Amino acid sequence: MQDKAFQLAVDSAKARFERQCRALGIDPKDYIITSWTPQAEPEHHGKTLSIREEDGPKPVGLEPGKASLAVKVTVWFTHKAATGRA
C-alpha cells in the first residue's frame, strides 16, 4: 500500500509541476527530478476489516471498513543545463 501511495504522490507532484511550467511558458521537459523526500503518516487511519462476536444465528460477522494512508512527497526539479544533462 505504501508503494502505491508513494507512486500516486510522485505522479501528482509531476503533474502539478507540468501545469505550473505551462502556466509560466516554461517547457517542463527541460527539467529533471534531482531529489525527493517522502513522508508517510506513521500510522494508518480509518476503519479496517474486523471480526466481531455476536449472540444468535450468526455468531461471527464481518464489519467492512476503509483504511487510508497519506503519503506526502517533496520533489525538487532542476533545469537539465544546470546538471550537465542538457
N, C-alpha and C. Protein backbone atom coordinates (compact mmCIF):
# COMPACT_ATOMS: atom_id res chain seq x y z
N MET A 1 0.82 -1.18 0.00
CA MET A 1 0.00 0.00 0.00
C MET A 1 0.88 1.25 0.00
N GLN A 2 1.99 1.24 0.73
CA GLN A 2 2.86 2.41 0.77
C GLN A 2 3.50 2.69 -0.58
N ASP A 3 3.88 1.65 -1.31
CA ASP A 3 4.49 1.85 -2.62
C ASP A 3 3.51 2.51 -3.58
N LYS A 4 2.27 2.06 -3.56
CA LYS A 4 1.27 2.65 -4.45
C LYS A 4 0.97 4.10 -4.05
N ALA A 5 0.88 4.35 -2.75
CA ALA A 5 0.64 5.72 -2.28
C ALA A 5 1.80 6.63 -2.67
N PHE A 6 3.03 6.12 -2.56
CA PHE A 6 4.20 6.91 -2.96
C PHE A 6 4.15 7.22 -4.45
N GLN A 7 3.82 6.21 -5.27
CA GLN A 7 3.76 6.42 -6.72
C GLN A 7 2.70 7.46 -7.07
N LEU A 8 1.55 7.40 -6.41
CA LEU A 8 0.49 8.39 -6.66
C LEU A 8 0.95 9.79 -6.25
N ALA A 9 1.68 9.90 -5.15
CA ALA A 9 2.18 11.20 -4.70
C ALA A 9 3.19 11.77 -5.69
N VAL A 10 4.08 10.93 -6.22
CA VAL A 10 5.06 11.37 -7.20
C VAL A 10 4.36 11.79 -8.49
N ASP A 11 3.41 11.00 -8.95
CA ASP A 11 2.66 11.35 -10.17
C ASP A 11 1.95 12.68 -10.01
N SER A 12 1.38 12.91 -8.84
CA SER A 12 0.69 14.16 -8.56
C SER A 12 1.66 15.34 -8.57
N ALA A 13 2.83 15.16 -7.98
CA ALA A 13 3.84 16.23 -7.96
C ALA A 13 4.31 16.56 -9.37
N LYS A 14 4.53 15.54 -10.20
CA LYS A 14 4.96 15.76 -11.58
C LYS A 14 3.88 16.50 -12.37
N ALA A 15 2.63 16.09 -12.21
CA ALA A 15 1.53 16.72 -12.94
C ALA A 15 1.39 18.19 -12.52
N ARG A 16 1.50 18.46 -11.24
CA ARG A 16 1.41 19.85 -10.75
C ARG A 16 2.56 20.68 -11.31
N PHE A 17 3.77 20.14 -11.31
CA PHE A 17 4.92 20.86 -11.84
C PHE A 17 4.72 21.16 -13.32
N GLU A 18 4.24 20.20 -14.09
CA GLU A 18 4.00 20.41 -15.52
C GLU A 18 2.96 21.51 -15.74
N ARG A 19 1.88 21.52 -14.96
CA ARG A 19 0.85 22.56 -15.11
C ARG A 19 1.43 23.94 -14.78
N GLN A 20 2.23 24.01 -13.73
CA GLN A 20 2.82 25.30 -13.35
C GLN A 20 3.79 25.79 -14.41
N CYS A 21 4.59 24.89 -14.98
CA CYS A 21 5.52 25.28 -16.04
C CYS A 21 4.77 25.82 -17.25
N ARG A 22 3.72 25.13 -17.65
CA ARG A 22 2.95 25.59 -18.82
C ARG A 22 2.32 26.95 -18.57
N ALA A 23 1.85 27.18 -17.34
CA ALA A 23 1.27 28.48 -16.99
C ALA A 23 2.31 29.60 -17.09
N LEU A 24 3.57 29.25 -16.84
CA LEU A 24 4.66 30.23 -16.91
C LEU A 24 5.34 30.28 -18.27
N GLY A 25 4.90 29.42 -19.20
CA GLY A 25 5.51 29.38 -20.51
C GLY A 25 6.87 28.70 -20.52
N ILE A 26 7.08 27.78 -19.60
CA ILE A 26 8.34 27.04 -19.47
C ILE A 26 8.10 25.60 -19.90
N ASP A 27 9.07 25.00 -20.58
CA ASP A 27 8.94 23.61 -21.00
C ASP A 27 9.35 22.68 -19.85
N PRO A 28 8.41 21.92 -19.29
CA PRO A 28 8.76 21.03 -18.17
C PRO A 28 9.74 19.94 -18.55
N LYS A 29 9.88 19.65 -19.84
CA LYS A 29 10.81 18.61 -20.28
C LYS A 29 12.27 19.06 -20.14
N ASP A 30 12.47 20.36 -19.88
CA ASP A 30 13.82 20.87 -19.68
C ASP A 30 14.31 20.63 -18.25
N TYR A 31 13.48 20.01 -17.41
CA TYR A 31 13.80 19.81 -16.00
C TYR A 31 13.80 18.32 -15.66
N ILE A 32 14.61 17.97 -14.68
CA ILE A 32 14.63 16.60 -14.17
C ILE A 32 14.50 16.64 -12.66
N ILE A 33 14.07 15.54 -12.11
CA ILE A 33 14.00 15.41 -10.64
C ILE A 33 15.40 15.12 -10.14
N THR A 34 15.86 15.94 -9.21
CA THR A 34 17.20 15.75 -8.66
C THR A 34 17.18 15.29 -7.21
N SER A 35 16.03 15.42 -6.56
CA SER A 35 15.93 14.99 -5.16
C SER A 35 14.47 14.84 -4.78
N TRP A 36 14.22 14.01 -3.79
CA TRP A 36 12.86 13.85 -3.28
C TRP A 36 12.91 13.39 -1.84
N THR A 37 11.86 13.72 -1.10
CA THR A 37 11.75 13.32 0.30
C THR A 37 10.34 12.82 0.56
N PRO A 38 10.15 11.52 0.77
CA PRO A 38 8.81 11.01 1.09
C PRO A 38 8.54 11.14 2.58
N GLN A 39 7.29 11.42 2.90
CA GLN A 39 6.87 11.50 4.30
C GLN A 39 5.54 10.77 4.41
N ALA A 40 5.53 9.64 5.07
CA ALA A 40 4.30 8.87 5.27
C ALA A 40 3.83 9.06 6.70
N GLU A 41 2.52 9.03 6.87
CA GLU A 41 1.98 9.07 8.22
C GLU A 41 2.46 7.84 8.96
N PRO A 42 2.81 7.98 10.21
CA PRO A 42 3.34 6.83 10.96
C PRO A 42 2.32 5.73 11.19
N GLU A 43 1.04 6.06 11.19
CA GLU A 43 0.01 5.06 11.43
C GLU A 43 -1.08 5.16 10.37
N HIS A 44 -1.72 4.05 10.12
CA HIS A 44 -2.88 4.04 9.25
C HIS A 44 -4.07 4.65 9.99
N HIS A 45 -4.91 5.33 9.27
CA HIS A 45 -6.10 5.92 9.88
C HIS A 45 -7.34 5.34 9.22
N GLY A 46 -8.40 5.26 9.95
CA GLY A 46 -9.66 4.77 9.41
C GLY A 46 -10.00 3.40 9.96
N LYS A 47 -11.07 2.86 9.43
CA LYS A 47 -11.53 1.56 9.88
C LYS A 47 -10.85 0.47 9.07
N THR A 48 -10.75 -0.68 9.67
CA THR A 48 -10.23 -1.84 8.97
C THR A 48 -11.23 -2.98 9.10
N LEU A 49 -11.04 -4.00 8.30
CA LEU A 49 -11.90 -5.17 8.36
C LEU A 49 -11.67 -5.87 9.69
N SER A 50 -12.75 -6.21 10.39
CA SER A 50 -12.61 -6.85 11.69
C SER A 50 -13.64 -7.95 11.85
N ILE A 51 -13.40 -8.81 12.81
CA ILE A 51 -14.33 -9.88 13.14
C ILE A 51 -14.99 -9.52 14.46
N ARG A 52 -16.29 -9.72 14.55
CA ARG A 52 -16.99 -9.42 15.80
C ARG A 52 -17.75 -10.65 16.25
N GLU A 53 -17.94 -10.78 17.51
CA GLU A 53 -18.69 -11.90 18.06
C GLU A 53 -20.08 -11.43 18.43
N GLU A 54 -21.08 -12.25 18.07
CA GLU A 54 -22.47 -11.91 18.36
C GLU A 54 -23.18 -13.15 18.90
N ASP A 55 -24.23 -12.91 19.65
CA ASP A 55 -25.11 -13.99 20.06
C ASP A 55 -26.14 -14.18 18.95
N GLY A 56 -26.61 -15.38 18.79
CA GLY A 56 -27.66 -15.61 17.81
C GLY A 56 -27.20 -16.50 16.68
N PRO A 57 -27.97 -16.52 15.58
CA PRO A 57 -27.69 -17.44 14.49
C PRO A 57 -26.39 -17.13 13.73
N LYS A 58 -25.91 -15.95 13.83
CA LYS A 58 -24.69 -15.58 13.12
C LYS A 58 -23.65 -15.12 14.15
N PRO A 59 -22.94 -16.09 14.78
CA PRO A 59 -22.06 -15.73 15.88
C PRO A 59 -20.84 -14.89 15.48
N VAL A 60 -20.40 -15.01 14.24
CA VAL A 60 -19.24 -14.23 13.80
C VAL A 60 -19.65 -13.46 12.56
N GLY A 61 -19.38 -12.18 12.54
CA GLY A 61 -19.70 -11.36 11.39
C GLY A 61 -18.51 -10.49 11.01
N LEU A 62 -18.60 -9.90 9.84
CA LEU A 62 -17.53 -9.02 9.38
C LEU A 62 -18.03 -7.59 9.35
N GLU A 63 -17.21 -6.68 9.79
CA GLU A 63 -17.52 -5.26 9.71
C GLU A 63 -16.59 -4.65 8.68
N PRO A 64 -17.11 -4.38 7.48
CA PRO A 64 -16.24 -3.78 6.46
C PRO A 64 -15.91 -2.35 6.84
N GLY A 65 -14.78 -1.91 6.41
CA GLY A 65 -14.37 -0.55 6.68
C GLY A 65 -13.39 -0.08 5.63
N LYS A 66 -12.78 1.03 5.91
CA LYS A 66 -11.85 1.62 4.96
C LYS A 66 -10.61 2.07 5.73
N ALA A 67 -9.44 1.72 5.22
CA ALA A 67 -8.19 2.18 5.81
C ALA A 67 -7.55 3.15 4.82
N SER A 68 -6.83 4.11 5.31
CA SER A 68 -6.17 5.05 4.43
C SER A 68 -4.75 5.33 4.92
N LEU A 69 -3.90 5.69 3.98
CA LEU A 69 -2.52 6.03 4.29
C LEU A 69 -2.18 7.27 3.48
N ALA A 70 -1.80 8.33 4.14
CA ALA A 70 -1.42 9.56 3.46
C ALA A 70 0.09 9.60 3.29
N VAL A 71 0.52 9.85 2.06
CA VAL A 71 1.94 9.99 1.77
C VAL A 71 2.15 11.34 1.11
N LYS A 72 3.10 12.08 1.62
CA LYS A 72 3.47 13.37 1.05
C LYS A 72 4.88 13.23 0.53
N VAL A 73 5.12 13.73 -0.67
CA VAL A 73 6.47 13.69 -1.21
C VAL A 73 6.85 15.10 -1.67
N THR A 74 8.02 15.54 -1.25
CA THR A 74 8.56 16.81 -1.71
C THR A 74 9.57 16.49 -2.79
N VAL A 75 9.37 17.09 -3.97
CA VAL A 75 10.21 16.79 -5.13
C VAL A 75 10.91 18.07 -5.58
N TRP A 76 12.23 17.97 -5.84
CA TRP A 76 12.99 19.09 -6.34
C TRP A 76 13.31 18.84 -7.81
N PHE A 77 12.95 19.81 -8.64
CA PHE A 77 13.24 19.77 -10.06
C PHE A 77 14.38 20.75 -10.34
N THR A 78 15.30 20.35 -11.20
CA THR A 78 16.43 21.19 -11.58
C THR A 78 16.52 21.24 -13.10
N HIS A 79 16.85 22.42 -13.63
CA HIS A 79 16.99 22.56 -15.08
C HIS A 79 18.13 21.65 -15.54
N LYS A 80 17.90 20.95 -16.64
CA LYS A 80 18.90 19.98 -17.14
C LYS A 80 20.25 20.63 -17.38
N ALA A 81 20.25 21.88 -17.88
CA ALA A 81 21.52 22.55 -18.16
C ALA A 81 22.35 22.73 -16.89
N ALA A 82 21.70 22.93 -15.77
CA ALA A 82 22.41 23.11 -14.51
C ALA A 82 23.02 21.81 -13.99
N THR A 83 22.55 20.69 -14.51
CA THR A 83 23.07 19.39 -14.07
C THR A 83 24.06 18.80 -15.06
N GLY A 84 24.24 19.46 -16.22
CA GLY A 84 25.12 18.93 -17.26
C GLY A 84 24.45 17.86 -18.09
N ARG A 85 23.13 17.74 -17.98
CA ARG A 85 22.38 16.72 -18.75
C ARG A 85 21.52 17.34 -19.84
N ALA A 86 21.88 18.49 -20.32
CA ALA A 86 21.07 19.21 -21.32
C ALA A 86 21.00 18.51 -22.64
